[in-house]
PDB file of N, CA and C in Angstrom:
ATOM      1  N   UNK A   1      10.976 -16.149  45.074  1.00  0.00           N
ATOM      2  CA  UNK A   1      11.024 -15.425  43.830  1.00  0.00           C
ATOM      3  C   UNK A   1       9.736 -15.716  43.059  1.00  0.00           C
ATOM      4  N   UNK A   2       9.151 -14.677  42.486  1.00  0.00           N
ATOM      5  CA  UNK A   2       7.905 -14.844  41.738  1.00  0.00           C
ATOM      6  C   UNK A   2       8.187 -14.874  40.242  1.00  0.00           C
ATOM      7  N   UNK A   3       7.236 -15.427  39.509  1.00  0.00           N
ATOM      8  CA  UNK A   3       7.359 -15.523  38.052  1.00  0.00           C
ATOM      9  C   UNK A   3       7.066 -14.168  37.422  1.00  0.00           C
ATOM     10  N   UNK A   4       7.926 -13.693  36.518  1.00  0.00           N
ATOM     11  CA  UNK A   4       7.647 -12.405  35.869  1.00  0.00           C
ATOM     12  C   UNK A   4       6.389 -12.487  35.007  1.00  0.00           C
ATOM     13  N   UNK A   5       5.757 -11.365  34.801  1.00  0.00           N
ATOM     14  CA  UNK A   5       4.498 -11.345  34.042  1.00  0.00           C
ATOM     15  C   UNK A   5       4.706 -11.713  32.582  1.00  0.00           C
ATOM     16  N   UNK A   6       5.843 -11.374  32.004  1.00  0.00           N
ATOM     17  CA  UNK A   6       6.070 -11.727  30.615  1.00  0.00           C
ATOM     18  C   UNK A   6       6.173 -13.233  30.438  1.00  0.00           C
ATOM     19  N   UNK A   7       6.701 -13.937  31.435  1.00  0.00           N
ATOM     20  CA  UNK A   7       6.790 -15.393  31.362  1.00  0.00           C
ATOM     21  C   UNK A   7       5.415 -16.024  31.482  1.00  0.00           C
ATOM     22  N   UNK A   8       4.568 -15.465  32.315  1.00  0.00           N
ATOM     23  CA  UNK A   8       3.205 -15.978  32.463  1.00  0.00           C
ATOM     24  C   UNK A   8       2.450 -15.840  31.146  1.00  0.00           C
ATOM     25  N   UNK A   9       2.663 -14.734  30.447  1.00  0.00           N
ATOM     26  CA  UNK A   9       2.003 -14.522  29.165  1.00  0.00           C
ATOM     27  C   UNK A   9       2.478 -15.536  28.130  1.00  0.00           C
ATOM     28  N   UNK A  10       3.770 -15.860  28.151  1.00  0.00           N
ATOM     29  CA  UNK A  10       4.292 -16.845  27.216  1.00  0.00           C
ATOM     30  C   UNK A  10       3.711 -18.233  27.465  1.00  0.00           C
ATOM     31  N   UNK A  11       3.541 -18.578  28.714  1.00  0.00           N
ATOM     32  CA  UNK A  11       3.058 -19.908  29.069  1.00  0.00           C
ATOM     33  C   UNK A  11       1.552 -20.034  28.883  1.00  0.00           C
ATOM     34  N   UNK A  12       0.806 -19.042  29.330  1.00  0.00           N
ATOM     35  CA  UNK A  12      -0.660 -19.133  29.346  1.00  0.00           C
ATOM     36  C   UNK A  12      -1.344 -18.402  28.200  1.00  0.00           C
ATOM     37  N   UNK A  13      -0.608 -17.743  27.345  1.00  0.00           N
ATOM     38  CA  UNK A  13      -1.207 -17.026  26.225  1.00  0.00           C
ATOM     39  C   UNK A  13      -1.462 -15.576  26.560  1.00  0.00           C
ATOM     40  N   UNK A  14      -1.736 -14.792  25.521  1.00  0.00           N
ATOM     41  CA  UNK A  14      -1.968 -13.359  25.706  1.00  0.00           C
ATOM     42  C   UNK A  14      -3.312 -13.125  26.357  1.00  0.00           C
ATOM     43  N   UNK A  15      -3.377 -12.060  27.121  1.00  0.00           N
ATOM     44  CA  UNK A  15      -4.641 -11.671  27.737  1.00  0.00           C
ATOM     45  C   UNK A  15      -5.576 -11.110  26.673  1.00  0.00           C
ATOM     46  N   UNK A  16      -6.829 -11.007  27.002  1.00  0.00           N
ATOM     47  CA  UNK A  16      -7.812 -10.516  26.041  1.00  0.00           C
ATOM     48  C   UNK A  16      -7.499  -9.091  25.603  1.00  0.00           C
ATOM     49  N   UNK A  17      -6.874  -8.315  26.468  1.00  0.00           N
ATOM     50  CA  UNK A  17      -6.551  -6.937  26.097  1.00  0.00           C
ATOM     51  C   UNK A  17      -5.419  -6.878  25.081  1.00  0.00           C
ATOM     52  N   UNK A  18      -4.626  -7.938  24.979  1.00  0.00           N
ATOM     53  CA  UNK A  18      -3.512  -7.972  24.042  1.00  0.00           C
ATOM     54  C   UNK A  18      -3.838  -8.789  22.788  1.00  0.00           C
ATOM     55  N   UNK A  19      -5.070  -9.153  22.612  1.00  0.00           N
ATOM     56  CA  UNK A  19      -5.443  -9.977  21.470  1.00  0.00           C
ATOM     57  C   UNK A  19      -5.313  -9.178  20.168  1.00  0.00           C
ATOM     58  N   UNK A  20      -4.990  -9.869  19.121  1.00  0.00           N
ATOM     59  CA  UNK A  20      -4.840  -9.245  17.813  1.00  0.00           C
ATOM     60  C   UNK A  20      -6.217  -9.147  17.170  1.00  0.00           C
ATOM     61  N   UNK A  21      -6.579  -7.961  16.663  1.00  0.00           N
ATOM     62  CA  UNK A  21      -7.901  -7.833  16.033  1.00  0.00           C
ATOM     63  C   UNK A  21      -7.944  -8.602  14.722  1.00  0.00           C
ATOM     64  N   UNK A  22      -9.107  -9.045  14.291  1.00  0.00           N
ATOM     65  CA  UNK A  22      -9.208  -9.755  13.013  1.00  0.00           C
ATOM     66  C   UNK A  22      -8.904  -8.804  11.864  1.00  0.00           C
ATOM     67  N   UNK A  23      -8.437  -9.338  10.738  1.00  0.00           N
ATOM     68  CA  UNK A  23      -8.148  -8.463   9.600  1.00  0.00           C
ATOM     69  C   UNK A  23      -9.429  -7.844   9.049  1.00  0.00           C
ATOM     70  N   UNK A  24      -9.330  -6.648   8.475  1.00  0.00           N
ATOM     71  CA  UNK A  24     -10.537  -6.005   7.955  1.00  0.00           C
ATOM     72  C   UNK A  24     -11.076  -6.742   6.731  1.00  0.00           C
ATOM     73  N   UNK A  25     -12.358  -6.661   6.536  1.00  0.00           N
ATOM     74  CA  UNK A  25     -13.003  -7.270   5.381  1.00  0.00           C
ATOM     75  C   UNK A  25     -12.945  -6.271   4.229  1.00  0.00           C
ATOM     76  N   UNK A  26     -12.052  -6.535   3.284  1.00  0.00           N
ATOM     77  CA  UNK A  26     -11.840  -5.607   2.179  1.00  0.00           C
ATOM     78  C   UNK A  26     -12.385  -6.237   0.902  1.00  0.00           C
ATOM     79  N   UNK A  27     -13.383  -5.620   0.360  1.00  0.00           N
ATOM     80  CA  UNK A  27     -13.966  -6.082  -0.896  1.00  0.00           C
ATOM     81  C   UNK A  27     -14.121  -4.883  -1.817  1.00  0.00           C
ATOM     82  N   UNK A  28     -13.534  -4.991  -2.998  1.00  0.00           N
ATOM     83  CA  UNK A  28     -13.631  -3.903  -3.960  1.00  0.00           C
ATOM     84  C   UNK A  28     -14.871  -4.041  -4.815  1.00  0.00           C
ATOM     85  N   UNK A  29     -15.187  -2.980  -5.500  1.00  0.00           N
ATOM     86  CA  UNK A  29     -16.357  -3.001  -6.375  1.00  0.00           C
ATOM     87  C   UNK A  29     -15.967  -3.003  -7.854  1.00  0.00           C
ATOM     88  N   UNK A  30     -14.662  -3.116  -8.138  1.00  0.00           N
ATOM     89  CA  UNK A  30     -14.223  -3.095  -9.539  1.00  0.00           C
ATOM     90  C   UNK A  30     -14.566  -4.412 -10.225  1.00  0.00           C
ATOM     91  N   UNK A  31     -14.924  -4.329 -11.480  1.00  0.00           N
ATOM     92  CA  UNK A  31     -15.252  -5.523 -12.250  1.00  0.00           C
ATOM     93  C   UNK A  31     -13.972  -6.253 -12.621  1.00  0.00           C
ATOM     94  N   UNK A  32     -13.988  -7.558 -12.512  1.00  0.00           N
ATOM     95  CA  UNK A  32     -12.793  -8.327 -12.841  1.00  0.00           C
ATOM     96  C   UNK A  32     -12.702  -8.533 -14.362  1.00  0.00           C
ATOM     97  N   UNK A  33     -11.505  -8.890 -14.795  1.00  0.00           N
ATOM     98  CA  UNK A  33     -11.245  -9.112 -16.212  1.00  0.00           C
ATOM     99  C   UNK A  33     -11.854 -10.449 -16.635  1.00  0.00           C
ATOM    100  N   UNK A  34     -12.474 -10.523 -17.790  1.00  0.00           N
ATOM    101  CA  UNK A  34     -12.989 -11.808 -18.279  1.00  0.00           C
ATOM    102  C   UNK A  34     -11.852 -12.821 -18.457  1.00  0.00           C
ATOM    103  N   UNK A  35     -12.178 -14.089 -18.288  1.00  0.00           N
ATOM    104  CA  UNK A  35     -11.173 -15.153 -18.330  1.00  0.00           C
ATOM    105  C   UNK A  35     -10.429 -15.188 -19.660  1.00  0.00           C
ATOM    106  N   UNK A  36     -11.150 -15.038 -20.768  1.00  0.00           N
ATOM    107  CA  UNK A  36     -10.492 -15.116 -22.072  1.00  0.00           C
ATOM    108  C   UNK A  36      -9.521 -13.958 -22.293  1.00  0.00           C
ATOM    109  N   UNK A  37      -9.793 -12.790 -21.713  1.00  0.00           N
ATOM    110  CA  UNK A  37      -8.853 -11.669 -21.828  1.00  0.00           C
ATOM    111  C   UNK A  37      -7.581 -11.941 -21.032  1.00  0.00           C
ATOM    112  N   UNK A  38      -7.726 -12.527 -19.850  1.00  0.00           N
ATOM    113  CA  UNK A  38      -6.556 -12.867 -19.039  1.00  0.00           C
ATOM    114  C   UNK A  38      -5.706 -13.932 -19.735  1.00  0.00           C
ATOM    115  N   UNK A  39      -6.355 -14.909 -20.369  1.00  0.00           N
ATOM    116  CA  UNK A  39      -5.607 -15.940 -21.089  1.00  0.00           C
ATOM    117  C   UNK A  39      -4.897 -15.360 -22.317  1.00  0.00           C
ATOM    118  N   UNK A  40      -5.515 -14.395 -22.966  1.00  0.00           N
ATOM    119  CA  UNK A  40      -4.869 -13.732 -24.109  1.00  0.00           C
ATOM    120  C   UNK A  40      -3.623 -12.978 -23.656  1.00  0.00           C
ATOM    121  N   UNK A  41      -3.702 -12.306 -22.504  1.00  0.00           N
ATOM    122  CA  UNK A  41      -2.538 -11.594 -21.972  1.00  0.00           C
ATOM    123  C   UNK A  41      -1.428 -12.567 -21.593  1.00  0.00           C
ATOM    124  N   UNK A  42      -1.791 -13.705 -21.019  1.00  0.00           N
ATOM    125  CA  UNK A  42      -0.776 -14.705 -20.663  1.00  0.00           C
ATOM    126  C   UNK A  42      -0.116 -15.293 -21.914  1.00  0.00           C
ATOM    127  N   UNK A  43      -0.912 -15.528 -22.945  1.00  0.00           N
ATOM    128  CA  UNK A  43      -0.350 -16.042 -24.195  1.00  0.00           C
ATOM    129  C   UNK A  43       0.597 -15.018 -24.822  1.00  0.00           C
ATOM    130  N   UNK A  44       0.225 -13.747 -24.768  1.00  0.00           N
ATOM    131  CA  UNK A  44       1.087 -12.705 -25.302  1.00  0.00           C
ATOM    132  C   UNK A  44       2.366 -12.586 -24.481  1.00  0.00           C
ATOM    133  N   UNK A  45       2.281 -12.779 -23.172  1.00  0.00           N
ATOM    134  CA  UNK A  45       3.470 -12.734 -22.319  1.00  0.00           C
ATOM    135  C   UNK A  45       4.427 -13.868 -22.680  1.00  0.00           C
ATOM    136  N   UNK A  46       3.880 -15.039 -22.922  1.00  0.00           N
ATOM    137  CA  UNK A  46       4.716 -16.178 -23.309  1.00  0.00           C
ATOM    138  C   UNK A  46       5.353 -15.928 -24.683  1.00  0.00           C
ATOM    139  N   UNK A  47       4.594 -15.372 -25.592  1.00  0.00           N
ATOM    140  CA  UNK A  47       5.074 -15.110 -26.942  1.00  0.00           C
ATOM    141  C   UNK A  47       6.123 -13.986 -26.957  1.00  0.00           C
ATOM    142  N   UNK A  48       5.997 -13.028 -26.052  1.00  0.00           N
ATOM    143  CA  UNK A  48       6.916 -11.886 -26.019  1.00  0.00           C
ATOM    144  C   UNK A  48       8.347 -12.317 -25.736  1.00  0.00           C
ATOM    145  N   UNK A  49       8.520 -13.349 -24.927  1.00  0.00           N
ATOM    146  CA  UNK A  49       9.878 -13.813 -24.629  1.00  0.00           C
ATOM    147  C   UNK A  49      10.541 -14.439 -25.849  1.00  0.00           C
ATOM    148  N   UNK A  50       9.744 -14.971 -26.779  1.00  0.00           N
ATOM    149  CA  UNK A  50      10.310 -15.542 -28.004  1.00  0.00           C
ATOM    150  C   UNK A  50      10.530 -14.477 -29.071  1.00  0.00           C
ATOM    151  N   UNK A  51       9.642 -13.490 -29.124  1.00  0.00           N
ATOM    152  CA  UNK A  51       9.719 -12.461 -30.158  1.00  0.00           C
ATOM    153  C   UNK A  51      10.815 -11.440 -29.846  1.00  0.00           C
ATOM    154  N   UNK A  52      10.896 -11.018 -28.580  1.00  0.00           N
ATOM    155  CA  UNK A  52      11.871 -10.019 -28.168  1.00  0.00           C
ATOM    156  C   UNK A  52      12.876 -10.677 -27.223  1.00  0.00           C
ATOM    157  N   UNK A  53      14.019 -11.101 -27.711  1.00  0.00           N
ATOM    158  CA  UNK A  53      14.984 -11.756 -26.826  1.00  0.00           C
ATOM    159  C   UNK A  53      15.614 -10.749 -25.859  1.00  0.00           C
ATOM    160  N   UNK A  54      16.041 -11.257 -24.730  1.00  0.00           N
ATOM    161  CA  UNK A  54      16.753 -10.427 -23.768  1.00  0.00           C
ATOM    162  C   UNK A  54      15.842  -9.708 -22.792  1.00  0.00           C
ATOM    163  N   UNK A  55      16.350  -8.588 -22.307  1.00  0.00           N
ATOM    164  CA  UNK A  55      15.665  -7.846 -21.249  1.00  0.00           C
ATOM    165  C   UNK A  55      14.337  -7.245 -21.715  1.00  0.00           C
ATOM    166  N   UNK A  56      14.269  -6.828 -22.970  1.00  0.00           N
ATOM    167  CA  UNK A  56      13.026  -6.240 -23.482  1.00  0.00           C
ATOM    168  C   UNK A  56      11.886  -7.258 -23.458  1.00  0.00           C
ATOM    169  N   UNK A  57      12.168  -8.456 -23.912  1.00  0.00           N
ATOM    170  CA  UNK A  57      11.147  -9.497 -23.892  1.00  0.00           C
ATOM    171  C   UNK A  57      10.726  -9.867 -22.489  1.00  0.00           C
ATOM    172  N   UNK A  58      11.680  -9.910 -21.566  1.00  0.00           N
ATOM    173  CA  UNK A  58      11.354 -10.224 -20.168  1.00  0.00           C
ATOM    174  C   UNK A  58      10.496  -9.129 -19.552  1.00  0.00           C
ATOM    175  N   UNK A  59      10.813  -7.878 -19.858  1.00  0.00           N
ATOM    176  CA  UNK A  59      10.032  -6.761 -19.328  1.00  0.00           C
ATOM    177  C   UNK A  59       8.603  -6.777 -19.848  1.00  0.00           C
ATOM    178  N   UNK A  60       8.448  -6.979 -21.140  1.00  0.00           N
ATOM    179  CA  UNK A  60       7.110  -7.030 -21.741  1.00  0.00           C
ATOM    180  C   UNK A  60       6.328  -8.223 -21.180  1.00  0.00           C
ATOM    181  N   UNK A  61       6.996  -9.366 -21.054  1.00  0.00           N
ATOM    182  CA  UNK A  61       6.328 -10.556 -20.528  1.00  0.00           C
ATOM    183  C   UNK A  61       5.873 -10.347 -19.089  1.00  0.00           C
ATOM    184  N   UNK A  62       6.712  -9.757 -18.270  1.00  0.00           N
ATOM    185  CA  UNK A  62       6.334  -9.502 -16.866  1.00  0.00           C
ATOM    186  C   UNK A  62       5.149  -8.553 -16.779  1.00  0.00           C
ATOM    187  N   UNK A  63       5.179  -7.508 -17.579  1.00  0.00           N
ATOM    188  CA  UNK A  63       4.090  -6.527 -17.538  1.00  0.00           C
ATOM    189  C   UNK A  63       2.765  -7.168 -17.940  1.00  0.00           C
ATOM    190  N   UNK A  64       2.776  -7.935 -19.005  1.00  0.00           N
ATOM    191  CA  UNK A  64       1.545  -8.589 -19.456  1.00  0.00           C
ATOM    192  C   UNK A  64       1.063  -9.624 -18.448  1.00  0.00           C
ATOM    193  N   UNK A  65       1.991 -10.384 -17.878  1.00  0.00           N
ATOM    194  CA  UNK A  65       1.632 -11.396 -16.888  1.00  0.00           C
ATOM    195  C   UNK A  65       1.032 -10.760 -15.635  1.00  0.00           C
ATOM    196  N   UNK A  66       1.590  -9.632 -15.204  1.00  0.00           N
ATOM    197  CA  UNK A  66       1.050  -8.961 -14.018  1.00  0.00           C
ATOM    198  C   UNK A  66      -0.352  -8.423 -14.273  1.00  0.00           C
ATOM    199  N   UNK A  67      -0.599  -7.915 -15.480  1.00  0.00           N
ATOM    200  CA  UNK A  67      -1.955  -7.465 -15.795  1.00  0.00           C
ATOM    201  C   UNK A  67      -2.925  -8.649 -15.759  1.00  0.00           C
ATOM    202  N   UNK A  68      -2.486  -9.789 -16.285  1.00  0.00           N
ATOM    203  CA  UNK A  68      -3.355 -10.970 -16.286  1.00  0.00           C
ATOM    204  C   UNK A  68      -3.563 -11.495 -14.867  1.00  0.00           C
ATOM    205  N   UNK A  69      -2.516 -11.514 -14.053  1.00  0.00           N
ATOM    206  CA  UNK A  69      -2.628 -12.030 -12.687  1.00  0.00           C
ATOM    207  C   UNK A  69      -3.449 -11.103 -11.801  1.00  0.00           C
ATOM    208  N   UNK A  70      -3.291  -9.806 -11.997  1.00  0.00           N
ATOM    209  CA  UNK A  70      -4.045  -8.854 -11.181  1.00  0.00           C
ATOM    210  C   UNK A  70      -5.526  -8.887 -11.546  1.00  0.00           C
ATOM    211  N   UNK A  71      -5.818  -9.133 -12.808  1.00  0.00           N
ATOM    212  CA  UNK A  71      -7.199  -9.327 -13.226  1.00  0.00           C
ATOM    213  C   UNK A  71      -7.977  -8.067 -13.493  1.00  0.00           C
ATOM    214  N   UNK A  72      -7.305  -6.939 -13.533  1.00  0.00           N
ATOM    215  CA  UNK A  72      -8.000  -5.684 -13.811  1.00  0.00           C
ATOM    216  C   UNK A  72      -7.110  -4.809 -14.675  1.00  0.00           C
ATOM    217  N   UNK A  73      -7.732  -4.024 -15.493  1.00  0.00           N
ATOM    218  CA  UNK A  73      -6.998  -3.045 -16.297  1.00  0.00           C
ATOM    219  C   UNK A  73      -6.846  -1.804 -15.430  1.00  0.00           C
ATOM    220  N   UNK A  74      -5.614  -1.487 -15.053  1.00  0.00           N
ATOM    221  CA  UNK A  74      -5.384  -0.364 -14.147  1.00  0.00           C
ATOM    222  C   UNK A  74      -5.666   0.962 -14.833  1.00  0.00           C
ATOM    223  N   UNK A  75      -5.170   1.128 -16.016  1.00  0.00           N
ATOM    224  CA  UNK A  75      -5.427   2.357 -16.765  1.00  0.00           C
ATOM    225  C   UNK A  75      -6.586   2.102 -17.721  1.00  0.00           C
ATOM    226  N   UNK A  76      -7.305   3.140 -18.009  1.00  0.00           N
ATOM    227  CA  UNK A  76      -8.473   2.995 -18.880  1.00  0.00           C
ATOM    228  C   UNK A  76      -8.132   3.232 -20.348  1.00  0.00           C
ATOM    229  N   UNK A  77      -6.826   3.291 -20.668  1.00  0.00           N
ATOM    230  CA  UNK A  77      -6.436   3.535 -22.047  1.00  0.00           C
ATOM    231  C   UNK A  77      -6.243   2.253 -22.846  1.00  0.00           C
ATOM    232  N   UNK A  78      -6.365   1.086 -22.231  1.00  0.00           N
ATOM    233  CA  UNK A  78      -6.258  -0.183 -22.938  1.00  0.00           C
ATOM    234  C   UNK A  78      -4.854  -0.528 -23.370  1.00  0.00           C
ATOM    235  N   UNK A  79      -3.850  -0.051 -22.647  1.00  0.00           N
ATOM    236  CA  UNK A  79      -2.464  -0.266 -23.040  1.00  0.00           C
ATOM    237  C   UNK A  79      -2.094  -1.745 -23.051  1.00  0.00           C
ATOM    238  N   UNK A  80      -2.517  -2.482 -22.050  1.00  0.00           N
ATOM    239  CA  UNK A  80      -2.173  -3.911 -21.987  1.00  0.00           C
ATOM    240  C   UNK A  80      -2.785  -4.673 -23.159  1.00  0.00           C
ATOM    241  N   UNK A  81      -4.007  -4.370 -23.511  1.00  0.00           N
ATOM    242  CA  UNK A  81      -4.657  -5.041 -24.640  1.00  0.00           C
ATOM    243  C   UNK A  81      -3.975  -4.690 -25.960  1.00  0.00           C
ATOM    244  N   UNK A  82      -3.584  -3.424 -26.119  1.00  0.00           N
ATOM    245  CA  UNK A  82      -2.882  -3.021 -27.342  1.00  0.00           C
ATOM    246  C   UNK A  82      -1.509  -3.662 -27.428  1.00  0.00           C
ATOM    247  N   UNK A  83      -0.806  -3.738 -26.287  1.00  0.00           N
ATOM    248  CA  UNK A  83       0.504  -4.376 -26.258  1.00  0.00           C
ATOM    249  C   UNK A  83       0.394  -5.859 -26.595  1.00  0.00           C
ATOM    250  N   UNK A  84      -0.617  -6.526 -26.033  1.00  0.00           N
ATOM    251  CA  UNK A  84      -0.821  -7.944 -26.323  1.00  0.00           C
ATOM    252  C   UNK A  84      -1.109  -8.155 -27.807  1.00  0.00           C
ATOM    253  N   UNK A  85      -1.909  -7.293 -28.404  1.00  0.00           N
ATOM    254  CA  UNK A  85      -2.224  -7.420 -29.829  1.00  0.00           C
ATOM    255  C   UNK A  85      -0.977  -7.244 -30.694  1.00  0.00           C
ATOM    256  N   UNK A  86      -0.120  -6.290 -30.331  1.00  0.00           N
ATOM    257  CA  UNK A  86       1.103  -6.078 -31.104  1.00  0.00           C
ATOM    258  C   UNK A  86       2.077  -7.236 -30.959  1.00  0.00           C
ATOM    259  N   UNK A  87       2.185  -7.779 -29.754  1.00  0.00           N
ATOM    260  CA  UNK A  87       3.092  -8.903 -29.530  1.00  0.00           C
ATOM    261  C   UNK A  87       2.604 -10.133 -30.272  1.00  0.00           C
ATOM    262  N   UNK A  88       1.310 -10.416 -30.206  1.00  0.00           N
ATOM    263  CA  UNK A  88       0.773 -11.607 -30.867  1.00  0.00           C
ATOM    264  C   UNK A  88       0.807 -11.480 -32.389  1.00  0.00           C
ATOM    265  N   UNK A  89       0.855 -10.263 -32.923  1.00  0.00           N
ATOM    266  CA  UNK A  89       0.904 -10.072 -34.369  1.00  0.00           C
ATOM    267  C   UNK A  89       2.286 -10.336 -34.947  1.00  0.00           C
ATOM    268  N   UNK A  90       3.319 -10.299 -34.103  1.00  0.00           N
ATOM    269  CA  UNK A  90       4.691 -10.516 -34.591  1.00  0.00           C
ATOM    270  C   UNK A  90       4.995 -12.013 -34.695  1.00  0.00           C
ATOM    271  N   UNK A  91       5.775 -12.347 -35.708  1.00  0.00           N
ATOM    272  CA  UNK A  91       6.201 -13.739 -35.903  1.00  0.00           C
ATOM    273  C   UNK A  91       7.520 -13.952 -35.188  1.00  0.00           C
ATOM    274  N   UNK A  92       7.730 -15.124 -34.596  1.00  0.00           N
ATOM    275  CA  UNK A  92       9.007 -15.390 -33.907  1.00  0.00           C
ATOM    276  C   UNK A  92      10.173 -15.555 -34.875  1.00  0.00           C
TER     277      UNK A  92
END
């Protein structure tokens, strides 16, 4: 009885024809958000949970945090910056 080819591949590794190609080199050309803007968004996200209790505060906090973590303003209307300014202007 001979060894099946699938068993040989498991023992000795994949052949060169079955090798996995390297991941593509993906680099964008978009400018990243300045550090102080990202920190302002994170501060507003933290403050939003205290100002708006419940689901509304959690939603606003998540949105602001994702903008800060992603590091770019997706829309060019400045919605995240305006939202952060409104949240930070409110007293807890």
